[in-house]
Amino acid sequence: MRPSLRSRAHAGERLVGVLLRMPAEELVEMAAVAGFDFILVDCEHGPADLIPLRQHIAVASLHQVPVIVRIGEGDTGMILRALDQGAEGILAPHLDDAAQAAALVSAAHYPPVGTRGFATYSRAGRFGQVPASEHRDRFLADTLVLGMIESPTGAAATAEIIGTPGLDGIMIGPADLAASSGPDDPSPADSTARVNTALADAGRLRMDIVGTSAAARAAFDDGAGLVVYNLAHSLMEHFRMLRDARD
């Protein structure tokens, strides 16, 4: 069995993924064939509901590429469903304090760590063919739990947030952080530096969202362990480049 995404991340591998907002199994398969380490399916801003999500996870699993699911804010029901369908990780937006981080961990993990409802007859349990103890232990060990800091409030509470047991790491949401930062707040750059310094000091995982391979390399060199390409941005940039052939 291949190592889990969580174990690879904590072992210090540099992991590259794509953020997929558009429901399209072909894009999942193309990313897998291209050799990306993981696929992040966006169920916060993207239109995919549970059925397309399940199809995306199933296609990715055929290529042995793990899927992380970005849920909507406070959507603990989607955490359960995404993991039951075989997602290896959860990314939750808008963490502003340690209590929200603890609620995320609780929803993502089986007892005794959390309160996730237990079931082995889902796709993740191979429809009941995995012994209950083995299923529980694997998910306790391999479920990657990431949160997003997207506000000055969250940035100020970074130390408390990342001190939450069971929270593996953080991705900053640069667009929301910029939108929520007022004239009396630290600049988005200062908030980002604060978060990243705290992650490095605590030995927590850092995932950055990037638009180019140069930005990905810079993020890795700056301490990120995972980077994810905004696929919509990358595709639009490529489309514009192709269109410019007429000029």
Protein backbone atom coordinates (compact mmCIF):
# COMPACT_ATOMS: atom_id res chain seq x y z
CA MET A 1 0.00 0.00 0.00
CA ARG A 2 1.33 3.44 -0.91
CA PRO A 3 2.21 5.86 1.90
CA SER A 4 -0.59 8.24 2.79
CA LEU A 5 -0.47 11.87 1.77
CA ARG A 6 -0.32 12.81 5.45
CA SER A 7 2.68 10.61 6.14
CA ARG A 8 4.50 11.93 3.06
CA ALA A 9 3.82 15.53 4.08
CA HIS A 10 5.05 14.98 7.63
CA ALA A 11 8.12 13.19 6.29
CA GLY A 12 9.11 16.44 4.57
CA GLU A 13 8.35 15.63 0.94
CA ARG A 14 7.62 18.54 -1.36
CA LEU A 15 4.11 17.85 -2.62
CA VAL A 16 2.46 19.56 -5.58
CA GLY A 17 -1.27 19.54 -6.27
CA VAL A 18 -4.00 21.27 -8.22
CA LEU A 19 -7.06 23.11 -6.91
CA LEU A 20 -10.03 21.98 -8.98
CA ARG A 21 -13.18 24.11 -8.90
CA MET A 22 -14.84 22.93 -12.11
CA PRO A 23 -16.56 19.52 -11.88
CA ALA A 24 -14.73 17.58 -14.58
CA GLU A 25 -13.50 14.02 -14.27
CA GLU A 26 -11.22 14.54 -17.25
CA LEU A 27 -9.33 17.28 -15.43
CA VAL A 28 -8.92 14.99 -12.42
CA GLU A 29 -7.55 12.26 -14.65
CA MET A 30 -5.29 14.63 -16.59
CA ALA A 31 -3.81 15.96 -13.34
CA ALA A 32 -3.21 12.39 -12.18
CA VAL A 33 -1.60 11.33 -15.45
CA ALA A 34 0.57 14.46 -15.35
CA GLY A 35 1.98 13.24 -12.04
CA PHE A 36 0.61 15.62 -9.44
CA ASP A 37 0.84 14.41 -5.85
CA PHE A 38 -2.72 15.30 -4.86
CA ILE A 39 -5.91 16.95 -6.03
CA LEU A 40 -7.75 19.55 -3.96
CA VAL A 41 -11.44 19.59 -4.89
CA ASP A 42 -13.11 22.87 -3.98
CA CYS A 43 -16.57 22.35 -2.54
CA GLU A 44 -16.59 25.82 -0.99
CA HIS A 45 -16.46 28.04 -4.08
CA GLY A 46 -16.85 25.30 -6.68
CA PRO A 47 -20.22 23.86 -7.79
CA ALA A 48 -19.45 20.19 -7.14
CA ASP A 49 -21.88 18.47 -4.79
CA LEU A 50 -21.55 15.00 -3.31
CA ILE A 51 -22.14 12.93 -6.46
CA PRO A 52 -19.55 14.70 -8.67
CA LEU A 53 -17.20 14.72 -5.68
CA ARG A 54 -17.52 10.96 -5.30
CA GLN A 55 -16.84 10.52 -9.01
CA HIS A 56 -13.75 12.72 -8.77
CA ILE A 57 -12.41 10.75 -5.81
CA ALA A 58 -13.07 7.43 -7.53
CA VAL A 59 -11.26 8.52 -10.71
CA ALA A 60 -8.31 9.85 -8.74
CA SER A 61 -8.06 6.64 -6.74
CA LEU A 62 -7.72 4.60 -9.93
CA HIS A 63 -4.46 6.50 -10.45
CA GLN A 64 -3.55 6.29 -6.74
CA VAL A 65 -3.69 10.06 -6.36
CA PRO A 66 -5.13 11.25 -3.03
CA VAL A 67 -7.86 13.87 -2.81
CA ILE A 68 -8.24 16.69 -0.31
CA VAL A 69 -11.68 18.30 -0.12
CA ARG A 70 -12.16 21.96 0.70
CA ILE A 71 -15.49 22.16 2.47
CA GLY A 72 -17.76 25.13 3.04
CA GLU A 73 -17.52 27.08 6.27
CA GLY A 74 -18.78 25.00 9.20
CA ASP A 75 -19.96 22.18 6.92
CA THR A 76 -19.25 19.23 9.20
CA GLY A 77 -21.71 17.07 7.26
CA MET A 78 -19.55 17.38 4.15
CA ILE A 79 -16.47 16.39 6.19
CA LEU A 80 -18.14 13.09 7.07
CA ARG A 81 -19.37 12.46 3.54
CA ALA A 82 -16.10 13.36 1.83
CA LEU A 83 -14.08 11.08 4.09
CA ASP A 84 -16.61 8.26 3.75
CA GLN A 85 -16.15 8.48 -0.02
CA GLY A 86 -12.39 8.10 0.30
CA ALA A 87 -10.93 11.59 0.57
CA GLU A 88 -7.60 11.55 2.41
CA GLY A 89 -7.79 15.09 3.70
CA ILE A 90 -10.01 18.00 4.60
CA LEU A 91 -9.31 21.71 4.16
CA ALA A 92 -11.64 23.97 6.15
CA PRO A 93 -11.93 27.72 5.49
CA HIS A 94 -12.08 30.70 7.85
CA LEU A 95 -10.45 29.52 11.06
CA ASP A 96 -10.40 32.48 13.42
CA ASP A 97 -9.78 30.82 16.77
CA ALA A 98 -8.74 27.62 18.49
CA ALA A 99 -12.32 26.57 19.18
CA GLN A 100 -13.07 26.44 15.46
CA ALA A 101 -9.89 24.45 14.88
CA ALA A 102 -10.89 21.98 17.60
CA ALA A 103 -14.35 21.58 16.05
CA LEU A 104 -12.73 20.83 12.69
CA VAL A 105 -10.47 18.14 14.18
CA SER A 106 -13.39 16.61 16.06
CA ALA A 107 -15.52 16.37 12.91
CA ALA A 108 -12.69 14.87 10.86
CA HIS A 109 -11.61 12.10 13.25
CA TYR A 110 -13.19 9.00 14.70
CA PRO A 111 -13.30 8.53 18.47
CA PRO A 112 -11.32 8.70 20.69
CA VAL A 113 -9.76 11.71 18.88
CA GLY A 114 -13.00 13.14 17.52
CA THR A 115 -16.70 12.59 17.00
CA ARG A 116 -16.93 11.54 13.35
CA GLY A 117 -19.70 9.00 12.82
CA PHE A 118 -18.30 5.52 12.32
CA ALA A 119 -19.13 3.48 9.22
CA THR A 120 -17.30 0.77 7.30
CA TYR A 121 -19.89 0.22 4.57
CA SER A 122 -18.94 3.37 2.67
CA ARG A 123 -16.55 3.48 -0.23
CA ALA A 124 -13.68 4.29 2.16
CA GLY A 125 -14.30 1.01 4.01
CA ARG A 126 -14.46 -0.96 0.76
CA PHE A 127 -18.18 -1.45 1.36
CA GLY A 128 -17.70 -3.32 4.61
CA GLN A 129 -14.76 -5.47 3.55
CA VAL A 130 -12.26 -3.73 5.84
CA PRO A 131 -12.30 -4.85 9.50
CA ALA A 132 -13.65 -2.13 11.77
CA SER A 133 -10.49 -1.80 13.86
CA GLU A 134 -8.28 -1.59 10.77
CA HIS A 135 -10.56 1.02 9.20
CA ARG A 136 -10.58 3.14 12.37
CA ASP A 137 -6.83 2.95 12.89
CA ARG A 138 -6.04 3.82 9.27
CA PHE A 139 -8.20 6.92 9.30
CA LEU A 140 -6.88 8.04 12.66
CA ALA A 141 -3.34 7.76 11.29
CA ASP A 142 -3.84 8.99 7.72
CA THR A 143 -6.52 11.69 7.69
CA LEU A 144 -4.88 15.01 6.84
CA VAL A 145 -6.62 17.92 8.59
CA LEU A 146 -5.82 21.39 7.31
CA GLY A 147 -7.42 24.74 8.06
CA MET A 148 -7.36 28.11 6.34
CA ILE A 149 -6.48 31.43 7.94
CA GLU A 150 -8.18 34.16 5.95
CA SER A 151 -8.52 37.19 8.21
CA PRO A 152 -6.44 39.43 10.47
CA THR A 153 -8.30 37.88 13.40
CA GLY A 154 -7.18 34.41 12.39
CA ALA A 155 -3.63 35.57 11.76
CA ALA A 156 -3.46 37.14 15.24
CA ALA A 157 -4.66 33.85 16.75
CA THR A 158 -2.29 31.65 14.73
CA ALA A 159 -0.37 30.30 17.73
CA GLU A 160 -3.56 29.18 19.47
CA ILE A 161 -5.04 27.74 16.27
CA ILE A 162 -2.02 25.65 15.31
CA GLY A 163 -1.63 24.50 18.90
CA THR A 164 -4.81 22.47 18.45
CA PRO A 165 -4.00 18.74 18.72
CA GLY A 166 -4.83 16.95 15.49
CA LEU A 167 -4.60 19.98 13.23
CA ASP A 168 -1.84 19.19 10.74
CA GLY A 169 -1.36 22.58 9.16
CA ILE A 170 -2.61 25.76 7.54
CA MET A 171 -3.15 27.30 4.14
CA ILE A 172 -3.53 31.07 4.00
CA GLY A 173 -6.38 32.32 1.80
CA PRO A 174 -4.71 35.35 0.23
CA ALA A 175 -7.82 36.76 -1.45
CA ASP A 176 -9.96 36.66 1.70
CA LEU A 177 -7.11 37.90 3.85
CA ALA A 178 -6.67 40.92 1.59
CA ALA A 179 -10.41 41.57 1.41
CA SER A 180 -10.86 41.39 5.19
CA SER A 181 -7.83 43.54 6.09
CA GLY A 182 -8.77 47.12 6.92
CA PRO A 183 -6.62 50.23 7.34
CA ASP A 184 -6.16 49.54 11.05
CA ASP A 185 -5.09 45.92 10.54
CA PRO A 186 -1.63 44.58 9.76
CA SER A 187 -0.97 44.40 6.05
CA PRO A 188 -1.74 41.07 4.36
CA ALA A 189 2.01 40.62 3.87
CA ASP A 190 2.65 41.12 7.58
CA SER A 191 -0.18 38.75 8.53
CA THR A 192 1.16 36.15 6.10
CA ALA A 193 4.65 36.43 7.55
CA ARG A 194 3.23 36.03 11.06
CA VAL A 195 1.36 32.87 10.13
CA ASN A 196 4.26 31.33 8.25
CA THR A 197 6.73 32.05 11.05
CA ALA A 198 4.41 30.45 13.60
CA LEU A 199 3.97 27.37 11.40
CA ALA A 200 7.72 26.97 11.01
CA ASP A 201 8.35 27.43 14.73
CA ALA A 202 5.66 24.86 15.63
CA GLY A 203 6.67 22.35 12.96
CA ARG A 204 3.19 22.40 11.40
CA LEU A 205 2.52 21.87 7.72
CA ARG A 206 2.17 24.84 5.41
CA MET A 207 0.29 24.74 2.11
CA ASP A 208 0.51 27.67 -0.32
CA ILE A 209 -1.71 28.40 -3.29
CA VAL A 210 0.26 29.54 -6.34
CA GLY A 211 -0.24 30.38 -9.99
CA THR A 212 3.11 29.56 -11.60
CA SER A 213 5.90 27.04 -11.28
CA ALA A 214 8.26 29.85 -10.29
CA ALA A 215 5.92 30.79 -7.44
CA ALA A 216 5.73 27.13 -6.42
CA ARG A 217 9.51 26.84 -6.23
CA ALA A 218 9.69 30.05 -4.22
CA ALA A 219 7.04 28.76 -1.81
CA PHE A 220 8.93 25.51 -1.27
CA ASP A 221 12.18 27.40 -0.71
CA ASP A 222 10.36 29.62 1.82
CA GLY A 223 9.14 26.69 3.88
CA ALA A 224 5.93 25.39 2.33
CA GLY A 225 5.59 21.62 2.32
CA LEU A 226 2.63 21.51 -0.05
CA VAL A 227 1.77 23.84 -2.91
CA VAL A 228 -1.40 23.83 -4.93
CA TYR A 229 -1.94 25.47 -8.30
CA ASN A 230 -5.10 27.47 -8.85
CA LEU A 231 -6.10 25.50 -11.94
CA ALA A 232 -8.69 28.02 -13.13
CA HIS A 233 -6.07 30.78 -13.01
CA SER A 234 -3.48 28.62 -14.76
CA LEU A 235 -5.90 27.59 -17.51
CA MET A 236 -7.02 31.16 -18.13
CA GLU A 237 -3.43 32.33 -18.37
CA HIS A 238 -2.73 29.59 -20.88
CA PHE A 239 -5.86 30.41 -22.87
CA ARG A 240 -4.84 34.07 -23.04
CA MET A 241 -1.37 33.08 -24.22
CA LEU A 242 -2.86 30.93 -26.98
CA ARG A 243 -5.27 33.70 -27.96
CA ASP A 244 -2.42 36.19 -28.26
CA ALA A 245 -1.13 34.33 -31.31
CA ARG A 246 -3.48 36.47 -33.40
CA ASP A 247 -1.78 39.72 -32.31
